[in-house]
């Protein structure tokens, strides 16, 4: 399942998340969620490949100890669609209702 993890460092990582046997999180195809201002000064959400300099590229898998995760949640449809179009399955899901613009 695609989820967002908020780490104790303040980073938000999105990816295919599962829980391993040691109570840690395994994240396939991770990306960083962040905010960036447009030239007009409006905030925009951006996705950045996590560890883009890795030889594994997009297919990297991380294990994060649960002590470094503050919480997790399912992303809004717009974020999920953007992630899927860049790193995920390519499947676009229909909107569930109101979301961010």
PDB file of N, CA and C in Angstrom:
ATOM      1  N   UNK A   1       0.843  -1.169   0.000  1.00  0.00           N
ATOM      2  CA  UNK A   1       0.000   0.000   0.000  1.00  0.00           C
ATOM      3  C   UNK A   1       0.896   1.243   0.000  1.00  0.00           C
ATOM      4  N   UNK A   2       0.519   2.240  -0.776  1.00  0.00           N
ATOM      5  CA  UNK A   2       1.255   3.504  -0.818  1.00  0.00           C
ATOM      6  C   UNK A   2       0.885   4.321   0.413  1.00  0.00           C
ATOM      7  N   UNK A   3       1.902   4.704   1.181  1.00  0.00           N
ATOM      8  CA  UNK A   3       1.693   5.507   2.376  1.00  0.00           C
ATOM      9  C   UNK A   3       2.780   6.565   2.475  1.00  0.00           C
ATOM     10  N   UNK A   4       2.516   7.541   3.324  1.00  0.00           N
ATOM     11  CA  UNK A   4       3.495   8.578   3.650  1.00  0.00           C
ATOM     12  C   UNK A   4       3.938   8.336   5.089  1.00  0.00           C
ATOM     13  N   UNK A   5       5.244   8.355   5.312  1.00  0.00           N
ATOM     14  CA  UNK A   5       5.800   8.251   6.655  1.00  0.00           C
ATOM     15  C   UNK A   5       6.397   9.594   7.031  1.00  0.00           C
ATOM     16  N   UNK A   6       6.038  10.124   8.195  1.00  0.00           N
ATOM     17  CA  UNK A   6       6.680  11.337   8.723  1.00  0.00           C
ATOM     18  C   UNK A   6       7.762  10.858   9.670  1.00  0.00           C
ATOM     19  N   UNK A   7       9.009  11.192   9.348  1.00  0.00           N
ATOM     20  CA  UNK A   7      10.140  10.770  10.162  1.00  0.00           C
ATOM     21  C   UNK A   7      10.417  11.771  11.274  1.00  0.00           C
ATOM     22  N   UNK A   8      11.168  11.344  12.267  1.00  0.00           N
ATOM     23  CA  UNK A   8      11.533  12.226  13.378  1.00  0.00           C
ATOM     24  C   UNK A   8      12.400  13.382  12.902  1.00  0.00           C
ATOM     25  N   UNK A   9      12.998  13.268  11.732  1.00  0.00           N
ATOM     26  CA  UNK A   9      13.803  14.350  11.154  1.00  0.00           C
ATOM     27  C   UNK A   9      12.941  15.426  10.504  1.00  0.00           C
ATOM     28  N   UNK A  10      11.622  15.151  10.361  1.00  0.00           N
ATOM     29  CA  UNK A  10      10.714  16.081   9.704  1.00  0.00           C
ATOM     30  C   UNK A  10      10.481  15.733   8.243  1.00  0.00           C
ATOM     31  N   UNK A  11      11.257  14.809   7.699  1.00  0.00           N
ATOM     32  CA  UNK A  11      11.067  14.405   6.304  1.00  0.00           C
ATOM     33  C   UNK A  11       9.777  13.600   6.171  1.00  0.00           C
ATOM     34  N   UNK A  12       9.158  13.702   5.001  1.00  0.00           N
ATOM     35  CA  UNK A  12       8.008  12.871   4.672  1.00  0.00           C
ATOM     36  C   UNK A  12       8.388  12.042   3.456  1.00  0.00           C
ATOM     37  N   UNK A  13       8.335  10.724   3.632  1.00  0.00           N
ATOM     38  CA  UNK A  13       8.694   9.798   2.558  1.00  0.00           C
ATOM     39  C   UNK A  13       7.436   9.077   2.109  1.00  0.00           C
ATOM     40  N   UNK A  14       7.228   9.018   0.804  1.00  0.00           N
ATOM     41  CA  UNK A  14       6.097   8.288   0.232  1.00  0.00           C
ATOM     42  C   UNK A  14       6.655   7.082  -0.512  1.00  0.00           C
ATOM     43  N   UNK A  15       5.937   5.971  -0.444  1.00  0.00           N
ATOM     44  CA  UNK A  15       6.362   4.772  -1.158  1.00  0.00           C
ATOM     45  C   UNK A  15       5.455   3.603  -0.826  1.00  0.00           C
ATOM     46  N   UNK A  16       5.834   2.448  -1.353  1.00  0.00           N
ATOM     47  CA  UNK A  16       5.103   1.211  -1.085  1.00  0.00           C
ATOM     48  C   UNK A  16       5.573   0.703   0.277  1.00  0.00           C
ATOM     49  N   UNK A  17       4.753   0.887   1.309  1.00  0.00           N
ATOM     50  CA  UNK A  17       5.154   0.632   2.694  1.00  0.00           C
ATOM     51  C   UNK A  17       4.583  -0.686   3.200  1.00  0.00           C
ATOM     52  N   UNK A  18       5.443  -1.438   3.885  1.00  0.00           N
ATOM     53  CA  UNK A  18       5.008  -2.635   4.610  1.00  0.00           C
ATOM     54  C   UNK A  18       5.782  -2.673   5.926  1.00  0.00           C
ATOM     55  N   UNK A  19       5.311  -3.493   6.858  1.00  0.00           N
ATOM     56  CA  UNK A  19       5.968  -3.633   8.159  1.00  0.00           C
ATOM     57  C   UNK A  19       6.740  -4.942   8.141  1.00  0.00           C
ATOM     58  N   UNK A  20       8.014  -4.896   8.636  1.00  0.00           N
ATOM     59  CA  UNK A  20       8.805  -6.121   8.657  1.00  0.00           C
ATOM     60  C   UNK A  20       8.708  -6.807  10.021  1.00  0.00           C
ATOM     61  N   UNK A  21       9.377  -7.920  10.154  1.00  0.00           N
ATOM     62  CA  UNK A  21       9.300  -8.725  11.379  1.00  0.00           C
ATOM     63  C   UNK A  21       9.904  -8.045  12.598  1.00  0.00           C
ATOM     64  N   UNK A  22      10.790  -7.072  12.400  1.00  0.00           N
ATOM     65  CA  UNK A  22      11.441  -6.386  13.512  1.00  0.00           C
ATOM     66  C   UNK A  22      10.743  -5.074  13.866  1.00  0.00           C
ATOM     67  N   UNK A  23       9.490  -4.933  13.508  1.00  0.00           N
ATOM     68  CA  UNK A  23       8.693  -3.725  13.775  1.00  0.00           C
ATOM     69  C   UNK A  23       9.246  -2.485  13.093  1.00  0.00           C
ATOM     70  N   UNK A  24       9.937  -2.689  12.007  1.00  0.00           N
ATOM     71  CA  UNK A  24      10.404  -1.576  11.197  1.00  0.00           C
ATOM     72  C   UNK A  24       9.528  -1.443   9.964  1.00  0.00           C
ATOM     73  N   UNK A  25       9.808  -0.447   9.172  1.00  0.00           N
ATOM     74  CA  UNK A  25       9.063  -0.223   7.938  1.00  0.00           C
ATOM     75  C   UNK A  25       9.958  -0.514   6.746  1.00  0.00           C
ATOM     76  N   UNK A  26       9.423  -1.193   5.754  1.00  0.00           N
ATOM     77  CA  UNK A  26      10.119  -1.436   4.498  1.00  0.00           C
ATOM     78  C   UNK A  26       9.430  -0.576   3.451  1.00  0.00           C
ATOM     79  N   UNK A  27      10.207   0.228   2.730  1.00  0.00           N
ATOM     80  CA  UNK A  27       9.640   1.148   1.751  1.00  0.00           C
ATOM     81  C   UNK A  27      10.273   0.879   0.397  1.00  0.00           C
ATOM     82  N   UNK A  28       9.443   0.491  -0.561  1.00  0.00           N
ATOM     83  CA  UNK A  28       9.900   0.282  -1.931  1.00  0.00           C
ATOM     84  C   UNK A  28       9.600   1.533  -2.736  1.00  0.00           C
ATOM     85  N   UNK A  29      10.484   1.880  -3.633  1.00  0.00           N
ATOM     86  CA  UNK A  29      10.352   3.051  -4.502  1.00  0.00           C
ATOM     87  C   UNK A  29      10.063   4.326  -3.704  1.00  0.00           C
ATOM     88  N   UNK A  30      10.919   4.666  -2.732  1.00  0.00           N
ATOM     89  CA  UNK A  30      10.663   5.839  -1.904  1.00  0.00           C
ATOM     90  C   UNK A  30      10.910   7.153  -2.633  1.00  0.00           C
ATOM     91  N   UNK A  31      10.162   8.165  -2.223  1.00  0.00           N
ATOM     92  CA  UNK A  31      10.359   9.527  -2.723  1.00  0.00           C
ATOM     93  C   UNK A  31      10.104  10.489  -1.560  1.00  0.00           C
ATOM     94  N   UNK A  32      10.754  11.639  -1.598  1.00  0.00           N
ATOM     95  CA  UNK A  32      10.544  12.674  -0.589  1.00  0.00           C
ATOM     96  C   UNK A  32       9.412  13.582  -1.026  1.00  0.00           C
ATOM     97  N   UNK A  33       8.532  13.914  -0.103  1.00  0.00           N
ATOM     98  CA  UNK A  33       7.494  14.917  -0.341  1.00  0.00           C
ATOM     99  C   UNK A  33       8.016  16.236   0.208  1.00  0.00           C
ATOM    100  N   UNK A  34       7.805  17.306  -0.513  1.00  0.00           N
ATOM    101  CA  UNK A  34       8.249  18.601  -0.029  1.00  0.00           C
ATOM    102  C   UNK A  34       7.414  19.717  -0.612  1.00  0.00           C
ATOM    103  N   UNK A  35       7.697  20.913  -0.157  1.00  0.00           N
ATOM    104  CA  UNK A  35       7.007  22.096  -0.655  1.00  0.00           C
ATOM    105  C   UNK A  35       8.026  23.009  -1.325  1.00  0.00           C
ATOM    106  N   UNK A  36       7.585  23.676  -2.386  1.00  0.00           N
ATOM    107  CA  UNK A  36       8.425  24.611  -3.110  1.00  0.00           C
ATOM    108  C   UNK A  36       7.548  25.758  -3.587  1.00  0.00           C
ATOM    109  N   UNK A  37       8.077  26.951  -3.557  1.00  0.00           N
ATOM    110  CA  UNK A  37       7.307  28.095  -4.036  1.00  0.00           C
ATOM    111  C   UNK A  37       7.460  28.239  -5.542  1.00  0.00           C
ATOM    112  N   UNK A  38       6.349  28.554  -6.195  1.00  0.00           N
ATOM    113  CA  UNK A  38       6.383  28.839  -7.618  1.00  0.00           C
ATOM    114  C   UNK A  38       6.952  30.243  -7.826  1.00  0.00           C
ATOM    115  N   UNK A  39       7.169  30.619  -9.058  1.00  0.00           N
ATOM    116  CA  UNK A  39       7.662  31.974  -9.349  1.00  0.00           C
ATOM    117  C   UNK A  39       6.678  33.037  -8.879  1.00  0.00           C
ATOM    118  N   UNK A  40       5.393  32.682  -8.827  1.00  0.00           N
ATOM    119  CA  UNK A  40       4.361  33.612  -8.364  1.00  0.00           C
ATOM    120  C   UNK A  40       4.284  33.661  -6.837  1.00  0.00           C
ATOM    121  N   UNK A  41       5.013  32.783  -6.148  1.00  0.00           N
ATOM    122  CA  UNK A  41       5.013  32.767  -4.697  1.00  0.00           C
ATOM    123  C   UNK A  41       4.011  31.829  -4.064  1.00  0.00           C
ATOM    124  N   UNK A  42       3.288  31.058  -4.882  1.00  0.00           N
ATOM    125  CA  UNK A  42       2.318  30.115  -4.330  1.00  0.00           C
ATOM    126  C   UNK A  42       3.026  28.794  -4.013  1.00  0.00           C
ATOM    127  N   UNK A  43       2.626  28.134  -2.926  1.00  0.00           N
ATOM    128  CA  UNK A  43       3.278  26.871  -2.576  1.00  0.00           C
ATOM    129  C   UNK A  43       2.824  25.725  -3.475  1.00  0.00           C
ATOM    130  N   UNK A  44       3.743  24.886  -3.840  1.00  0.00           N
ATOM    131  CA  UNK A  44       3.470  23.697  -4.642  1.00  0.00           C
ATOM    132  C   UNK A  44       4.099  22.491  -3.971  1.00  0.00           C
ATOM    133  N   UNK A  45       3.403  21.379  -3.993  1.00  0.00           N
ATOM    134  CA  UNK A  45       3.968  20.152  -3.465  1.00  0.00           C
ATOM    135  C   UNK A  45       4.831  19.522  -4.549  1.00  0.00           C
ATOM    136  N   UNK A  46       6.000  19.008  -4.138  1.00  0.00           N
ATOM    137  CA  UNK A  46       6.918  18.381  -5.089  1.00  0.00           C
ATOM    138  C   UNK A  46       7.327  17.005  -4.580  1.00  0.00           C
ATOM    139  N   UNK A  47       7.628  16.124  -5.505  1.00  0.00           N
ATOM    140  CA  UNK A  47       8.179  14.811  -5.201  1.00  0.00           C
ATOM    141  C   UNK A  47       9.616  14.785  -5.702  1.00  0.00           C
ATOM    142  N   UNK A  48      10.491  14.245  -4.888  1.00  0.00           N
ATOM    143  CA  UNK A  48      11.894  14.122  -5.263  1.00  0.00           C
ATOM    144  C   UNK A  48      12.310  12.676  -5.029  1.00  0.00           C
ATOM    145  N   UNK A  49      12.959  12.068  -6.003  1.00  0.00           N
ATOM    146  CA  UNK A  49      13.417  10.701  -5.821  1.00  0.00           C
ATOM    147  C   UNK A  49      14.331  10.640  -4.602  1.00  0.00           C
ATOM    148  N   UNK A  50      14.138   9.614  -3.798  1.00  0.00           N
ATOM    149  CA  UNK A  50      14.961   9.428  -2.603  1.00  0.00           C
ATOM    150  C   UNK A  50      16.241   8.725  -3.028  1.00  0.00           C
ATOM    151  N   UNK A  51      17.369   9.248  -2.624  1.00  0.00           N
ATOM    152  CA  UNK A  51      18.685   8.722  -2.988  1.00  0.00           C
ATOM    153  C   UNK A  51      18.849   8.584  -4.505  1.00  0.00           C
ATOM    154  N   UNK A  52      18.712   9.666  -5.239  1.00  0.00           N
ATOM    155  CA  UNK A  52      18.796   9.597  -6.697  1.00  0.00           C
ATOM    156  C   UNK A  52      20.169   9.163  -7.195  1.00  0.00           C
ATOM    157  N   UNK A  53      21.182   9.238  -6.348  1.00  0.00           N
ATOM    158  CA  UNK A  53      22.537   8.860  -6.732  1.00  0.00           C
ATOM    159  C   UNK A  53      22.814   7.374  -6.511  1.00  0.00           C
ATOM    160  N   UNK A  54      21.821   6.619  -6.039  1.00  0.00           N
ATOM    161  CA  UNK A  54      21.976   5.192  -5.799  1.00  0.00           C
ATOM    162  C   UNK A  54      21.985   4.434  -7.122  1.00  0.00           C
ATOM    163  N   UNK A  55      22.802   3.381  -7.194  1.00  0.00           N
ATOM    164  CA  UNK A  55      22.839   2.547  -8.404  1.00  0.00           C
ATOM    165  C   UNK A  55      21.534   1.786  -8.603  1.00  0.00           C
ATOM    166  N   UNK A  56      20.758   1.620  -7.546  1.00  0.00           N
ATOM    167  CA  UNK A  56      19.481   0.922  -7.669  1.00  0.00           C
ATOM    168  C   UNK A  56      18.424   1.801  -8.313  1.00  0.00           C
ATOM    169  N   UNK A  57      18.661   3.088  -8.404  1.00  0.00           N
ATOM    170  CA  UNK A  57      17.711   4.002  -9.029  1.00  0.00           C
ATOM    171  C   UNK A  57      16.363   3.989  -8.344  1.00  0.00           C
ATOM    172  N   UNK A  58      15.295   3.931  -9.129  1.00  0.00           N
ATOM    173  CA  UNK A  58      13.931   3.959  -8.598  1.00  0.00           C
ATOM    174  C   UNK A  58      13.572   2.696  -7.832  1.00  0.00           C
ATOM    175  N   UNK A  59      14.289   1.602  -8.077  1.00  0.00           N
ATOM    176  CA  UNK A  59      13.924   0.322  -7.475  1.00  0.00           C
ATOM    177  C   UNK A  59      14.545   0.103  -6.101  1.00  0.00           C
ATOM    178  N   UNK A  60      15.000   1.149  -5.469  1.00  0.00           N
ATOM    179  CA  UNK A  60      15.610   1.038  -4.153  1.00  0.00           C
ATOM    180  C   UNK A  60      14.567   0.642  -3.107  1.00  0.00           C
ATOM    181  N   UNK A  61      14.994  -0.147  -2.139  1.00  0.00           N
ATOM    182  CA  UNK A  61      14.152  -0.537  -1.018  1.00  0.00           C
ATOM    183  C   UNK A  61      14.869  -0.145   0.263  1.00  0.00           C
ATOM    184  N   UNK A  62      14.174   0.561   1.159  1.00  0.00           N
ATOM    185  CA  UNK A  62      14.740   1.014   2.424  1.00  0.00           C
ATOM    186  C   UNK A  62      14.076   0.295   3.581  1.00  0.00           C
ATOM    187  N   UNK A  63      14.810   0.154   4.667  1.00  0.00           N
ATOM    188  CA  UNK A  63      14.224  -0.307   5.926  1.00  0.00           C
ATOM    189  C   UNK A  63      14.458   0.799   6.937  1.00  0.00           C
ATOM    190  N   UNK A  64      13.395   1.257   7.567  1.00  0.00           N
ATOM    191  CA  UNK A  64      13.479   2.323   8.558  1.00  0.00           C
ATOM    192  C   UNK A  64      12.960   1.786   9.880  1.00  0.00           C
ATOM    193  N   UNK A  65      13.757   1.928  10.931  1.00  0.00           N
ATOM    194  CA  UNK A  65      13.360   1.487  12.259  1.00  0.00           C
ATOM    195  C   UNK A  65      12.134   2.283  12.698  1.00  0.00           C
ATOM    196  N   UNK A  66      11.201   1.616  13.344  1.00  0.00           N
ATOM    197  CA  UNK A  66       9.961   2.278  13.756  1.00  0.00           C
ATOM    198  C   UNK A  66      10.212   3.421  14.737  1.00  0.00           C
ATOM    199  N   UNK A  67      11.343   3.427  15.425  1.00  0.00           N
ATOM    200  CA  UNK A  67      11.639   4.520  16.363  1.00  0.00           C
ATOM    201  C   UNK A  67      11.903   5.836  15.632  1.00  0.00           C
ATOM    202  N   UNK A  68      12.124   5.769  14.314  1.00  0.00           N
ATOM    203  CA  UNK A  68      12.371   6.975  13.520  1.00  0.00           C
ATOM    204  C   UNK A  68      11.119   7.475  12.800  1.00  0.00           C
ATOM    205  N   UNK A  69       9.993   6.794  13.004  1.00  0.00           N
ATOM    206  CA  UNK A  69       8.741   7.156  12.339  1.00  0.00           C
ATOM    207  C   UNK A  69       7.768   7.721  13.364  1.00  0.00           C
ATOM    208  N   UNK A  70       7.331   8.963  13.121  1.00  0.00           N
ATOM    209  CA  UNK A  70       6.367   9.591  14.032  1.00  0.00           C
ATOM    210  C   UNK A  70       4.954   9.086  13.759  1.00  0.00           C
ATOM    211  N   UNK A  71       4.572   9.023  12.464  1.00  0.00           N
ATOM    212  CA  UNK A  71       3.258   8.524  12.085  1.00  0.00           C
ATOM    213  C   UNK A  71       3.259   8.220  10.596  1.00  0.00           C
ATOM    214  N   UNK A  72       2.199   7.550  10.157  1.00  0.00           N
ATOM    215  CA  UNK A  72       2.021   7.251   8.735  1.00  0.00           C
ATOM    216  C   UNK A  72       0.583   7.537   8.351  1.00  0.00           C
ATOM    217  N   UNK A  73       0.360   7.776   7.057  1.00  0.00           N
ATOM    218  CA  UNK A  73      -1.000   8.025   6.583  1.00  0.00           C
ATOM    219  C   UNK A  73      -1.091   7.750   5.090  1.00  0.00           C
ATOM    220  N   UNK A  74      -2.332   7.564   4.622  1.00  0.00           N
ATOM    221  CA  UNK A  74      -2.573   7.400   3.194  1.00  0.00           C
ATOM    222  C   UNK A  74      -2.632   8.778   2.558  1.00  0.00           C
ATOM    223  N   UNK A  75      -1.937   8.973   1.443  1.00  0.00           N
ATOM    224  CA  UNK A  75      -1.915  10.298   0.819  1.00  0.00           C
ATOM    225  C   UNK A  75      -3.219  10.626   0.096  1.00  0.00           C
ATOM    226  N   UNK A  76      -3.426  11.916  -0.105  1.00  0.00           N
ATOM    227  CA  UNK A  76      -4.552  12.371  -0.920  1.00  0.00           C
ATOM    228  C   UNK A  76      -4.436  11.802  -2.324  1.00  0.00           C
ATOM    229  N   UNK A  77      -5.572  11.692  -2.997  1.00  0.00           N
ATOM    230  CA  UNK A  77      -5.593  11.127  -4.344  1.00  0.00           C
ATOM    231  C   UNK A  77      -4.667  11.825  -5.319  1.00  0.00           C
ATOM    232  N   UNK A  78      -4.572  13.154  -5.240  1.00  0.00           N
ATOM    233  CA  UNK A  78      -3.712  13.905  -6.160  1.00  0.00           C
ATOM    234  C   UNK A  78      -2.242  13.545  -5.961  1.00  0.00           C
ATOM    235  N   UNK A  79      -1.860  13.360  -4.689  1.00  0.00           N
ATOM    236  CA  UNK A  79      -0.475  12.998  -4.393  1.00  0.00           C
ATOM    237  C   UNK A  79      -0.213  11.569  -4.854  1.00  0.00           C
ATOM    238  N   UNK A  80      -1.149  10.671  -4.583  1.00  0.00           N
ATOM    239  CA  UNK A  80      -1.027   9.276  -5.013  1.00  0.00           C
ATOM    240  C   UNK A  80      -0.896   9.183  -6.529  1.00  0.00           C
ATOM    241  N   UNK A  81      -1.731   9.934  -7.244  1.00  0.00           N
ATOM    242  CA  UNK A  81      -1.668   9.912  -8.705  1.00  0.00           C
ATOM    243  C   UNK A  81      -0.327  10.433  -9.213  1.00  0.00           C
ATOM    244  N   UNK A  82       0.166  11.493  -8.605  1.00  0.00           N
ATOM    245  CA  UNK A  82       1.457  12.052  -9.017  1.00  0.00           C
ATOM    246  C   UNK A  82       2.581  11.040  -8.756  1.00  0.00           C
ATOM    247  N   UNK A  83       2.562  10.428  -7.578  1.00  0.00           N
ATOM    248  CA  UNK A  83       3.560   9.406  -7.244  1.00  0.00           C
ATOM    249  C   UNK A  83       3.489   8.253  -8.248  1.00  0.00           C
ATOM    250  N   UNK A  84       2.280   7.738  -8.499  1.00  0.00           N
ATOM    251  CA  UNK A  84       2.121   6.620  -9.424  1.00  0.00           C
ATOM    252  C   UNK A  84       2.582   6.964 -10.831  1.00  0.00           C
ATOM    253  N   UNK A  85       2.359   8.208 -11.259  1.00  0.00           N
ATOM    254  CA  UNK A  85       2.770   8.584 -12.617  1.00  0.00           C
ATOM    255  C   UNK A  85       4.290   8.686 -12.738  1.00  0.00           C
ATOM    256  N   UNK A  86       4.980   8.956 -11.619  1.00  0.00           N
ATOM    257  CA  UNK A  86       6.430   9.108 -11.665  1.00  0.00           C
ATOM    258  C   UNK A  86       7.164   7.829 -11.266  1.00  0.00           C
ATOM    259  N   UNK A  87       6.783   7.236 -10.140  1.00  0.00           N
ATOM    260  CA  UNK A  87       7.536   6.103  -9.595  1.00  0.00           C
ATOM    261  C   UNK A  87       6.737   4.824  -9.439  1.00  0.00           C
ATOM    262  N   UNK A  88       5.453   4.938  -9.344  1.00  0.00           N
ATOM    263  CA  UNK A  88       4.638   3.778  -9.001  1.00  0.00           C
ATOM    264  C   UNK A  88       4.220   2.977 -10.204  1.00  0.00           C
ATOM    265  N   UNK A  89       3.037   2.472 -10.108  1.00  0.00           N
ATOM    266  CA  UNK A  89       2.499   1.557 -11.111  1.00  0.00           C
ATOM    267  C   UNK A  89       2.055   2.248 -12.381  1.00  0.00           C
ATOM    268  N   UNK A  90       1.890   3.552 -12.327  1.00  0.00           N
ATOM    269  CA  UNK A  90       1.345   4.266 -13.471  1.00  0.00           C
ATOM    270  C   UNK A  90      -0.173   4.315 -13.450  1.00  0.00           C
ATOM    271  N   UNK A  91      -0.786   3.663 -12.459  1.00  0.00           N
ATOM    272  CA  UNK A  91      -2.247   3.653 -12.345  1.00  0.00           C
ATOM    273  C   UNK A  91      -2.705   4.967 -11.733  1.00  0.00           C
ATOM    274  N   UNK A  92      -3.641   5.607 -12.370  1.00  0.00           N
ATOM    275  CA  UNK A  92      -4.208   6.859 -11.872  1.00  0.00           C
ATOM    276  C   UNK A  92      -5.569   6.538 -11.257  1.00  0.00           C
ATOM    277  N   UNK A  93      -5.778   6.993 -10.025  1.00  0.00           N
ATOM    278  CA  UNK A  93      -7.039   6.726  -9.340  1.00  0.00           C
ATOM    279  C   UNK A  93      -7.950   7.940  -9.433  1.00  0.00           C
ATOM    280  N   UNK A  94      -9.254   7.727  -9.492  1.00  0.00           N
ATOM    281  CA  UNK A  94     -10.177   8.869  -9.552  1.00  0.00           C
ATOM    282  C   UNK A  94     -10.212   9.597  -8.227  1.00  0.00           C
ATOM    283  N   UNK A  95     -10.507  10.900  -8.252  1.00  0.00           N
ATOM    284  CA  UNK A  95     -10.567  11.663  -7.005  1.00  0.00           C
ATOM    285  C   UNK A  95     -11.703  11.185  -6.113  1.00  0.00           C
ATOM    286  N   UNK A  96     -11.474  11.234  -4.773  1.00  0.00           N
ATOM    287  CA  UNK A  96     -12.491  10.818  -3.809  1.00  0.00           C
ATOM    288  C   UNK A  96     -13.339  11.983  -3.338  1.00  0.00           C
ATOM    289  N   UNK A  97     -12.941  13.179  -3.635  1.00  0.00           N
ATOM    290  CA  UNK A  97     -13.657  14.344  -3.165  1.00  0.00           C
ATOM    291  C   UNK A  97     -12.718  15.517  -3.161  1.00  0.00           C
ATOM    292  N   UNK A  98     -12.863  16.381  -2.184  1.00  0.00           N
ATOM    293  CA  UNK A  98     -12.003  17.548  -2.126  1.00  0.00           C
ATOM    294  C   UNK A  98     -10.579  17.146  -1.797  1.00  0.00           C
ATOM    295  N   UNK A  99      -9.642  17.899  -2.327  1.00  0.00           N
ATOM    296  CA  UNK A  99      -8.232  17.659  -2.071  1.00  0.00           C
ATOM    297  C   UNK A  99      -7.452  18.937  -2.240  1.00  0.00           C
ATOM    298  N   UNK A 100      -6.164  18.817  -2.302  1.00  0.00           N
ATOM    299  CA  UNK A 100      -5.340  20.024  -2.508  1.00  0.00           C
ATOM    300  C   UNK A 100      -5.268  20.356  -3.971  1.00  0.00           C
ATOM    301  N   UNK A 101      -5.075  21.587  -4.275  1.00  0.00           N
ATOM    302  CA  UNK A 101      -4.989  22.034  -5.664  1.00  0.00           C
ATOM    303  C   UNK A 101      -3.590  22.545  -5.907  1.00  0.00           C
TER     304      UNK A 101
END
